[in-house]
Amino acid sequence: MNRTLDQTAALFGIKSRAFRKALRELRILTSTGDLASHHRSSGHLFSDPRSVQLGPNRLKHYAVVLVTEKGVQWLAKTLGIEITDKEVAA
């Protein structure tokens, strides 16, 4: 199951803002919150492109960064966080 960054932060028991700040410091996220290019093909994280219609002829495109199951374990190891509930992490 793929998780958003907010869901992953909740799993780790830290606030979303602190989690994103840590990912920026590790250069996993860019300053705008997008996934850094050198992490796109790692299999741990990926960007899911989405769009929303703002008006009859206007679309806004954006990307949501998602974490794979393998990525949850990798991020926990990278950040030094121990996941106590293995059921939730799987």
Protein backbone atom coordinates (compact mmCIF):
# COMPACT_ATOMS: atom_id res chain seq x y z
CA MET A 1 0.00 0.00 0.00
CA ASN A 2 1.40 3.38 -0.99
CA ARG A 3 1.13 6.21 1.51
CA THR A 4 1.21 9.97 1.24
CA LEU A 5 3.85 11.87 3.18
CA ASP A 6 1.24 12.88 5.77
CA GLN A 7 0.20 9.25 6.30
CA THR A 8 3.85 8.19 6.60
CA ALA A 9 4.52 10.93 9.16
CA ALA A 10 1.52 9.75 11.20
CA LEU A 11 2.87 6.20 11.05
CA PHE A 12 6.22 7.42 12.38
CA GLY A 13 4.49 9.43 15.10
CA ILE A 14 5.86 12.81 14.06
CA LYS A 15 4.17 15.91 12.75
CA SER A 16 3.87 16.32 9.00
CA ARG A 17 5.72 19.62 8.94
CA ALA A 18 8.70 18.25 10.88
CA PHE A 19 8.75 15.17 8.64
CA ARG A 20 8.84 17.26 5.47
CA LYS A 21 11.56 19.48 6.95
CA ALA A 22 13.68 16.40 7.69
CA LEU A 23 13.16 15.16 4.12
CA ARG A 24 14.23 18.55 2.77
CA GLU A 25 17.38 18.51 4.93
CA LEU A 26 18.22 15.05 3.55
CA ARG A 27 17.59 16.40 0.03
CA ILE A 28 14.83 13.87 -0.60
CA LEU A 29 12.38 16.72 -1.24
CA THR A 30 13.12 19.97 -3.03
CA SER A 31 12.41 23.35 -1.48
CA THR A 32 9.02 23.38 -3.25
CA GLY A 33 8.05 19.99 -1.77
CA ASP A 34 8.54 17.96 -4.94
CA LEU A 35 10.47 14.71 -5.03
CA ALA A 36 14.16 15.26 -5.83
CA SER A 37 15.15 13.86 -9.21
CA HIS A 38 17.80 11.48 -7.85
CA HIS A 39 15.15 9.68 -5.77
CA ARG A 40 12.63 9.12 -8.58
CA SER A 41 13.95 5.75 -9.74
CA SER A 42 14.93 4.36 -6.33
CA GLY A 43 11.65 2.51 -5.76
CA HIS A 44 11.15 4.09 -2.33
CA LEU A 45 9.18 7.18 -3.33
CA PHE A 46 7.39 8.35 -6.44
CA SER A 47 5.33 11.29 -7.68
CA ASP A 48 1.73 10.77 -8.71
CA PRO A 49 0.64 13.49 -11.18
CA ARG A 50 -2.86 14.83 -10.60
CA SER A 51 -4.99 17.71 -11.82
CA VAL A 52 -8.02 19.67 -10.69
CA GLN A 53 -10.40 21.68 -12.84
CA LEU A 54 -10.61 25.30 -11.69
CA GLY A 55 -12.99 26.55 -14.33
CA PRO A 56 -14.48 25.61 -17.66
CA ASN A 57 -11.14 25.78 -19.50
CA ARG A 58 -8.64 25.90 -16.64
CA LEU A 59 -6.75 22.98 -15.14
CA LYS A 60 -4.19 23.02 -12.37
CA HIS A 61 -1.63 20.23 -12.44
CA TYR A 62 0.28 19.10 -9.37
CA ALA A 63 2.10 16.04 -8.07
CA VAL A 64 1.61 14.11 -4.84
CA VAL A 65 4.67 12.39 -3.38
CA LEU A 66 3.86 8.81 -2.32
CA VAL A 67 5.94 6.36 -0.29
CA THR A 68 6.03 2.65 -1.16
CA GLU A 69 6.14 -0.14 1.44
CA LYS A 70 9.84 -0.55 0.79
CA GLY A 71 10.17 3.21 1.15
CA VAL A 72 8.56 3.22 4.61
CA GLN A 73 11.23 0.85 5.89
CA TRP A 74 13.98 2.81 4.12
CA LEU A 75 12.80 6.17 5.51
CA ALA A 76 12.54 4.75 9.03
CA LYS A 77 16.12 3.50 8.78
CA THR A 78 17.34 6.76 7.22
CA LEU A 79 15.66 8.92 9.87
CA GLY A 80 16.55 6.58 12.75
CA ILE A 81 12.91 5.84 13.61
CA GLU A 82 11.83 2.45 14.89
CA ILE A 83 8.40 1.25 13.78
CA THR A 84 6.91 -0.64 16.69
CA ASP A 85 3.68 -1.82 15.07
CA LYS A 86 4.71 -4.04 12.14
CA GLU A 87 1.05 -4.67 11.24
CA VAL A 88 0.45 -1.00 10.52
CA ALA A 89 3.70 -0.66 8.59
CA ALA A 90 2.88 -3.55 6.26
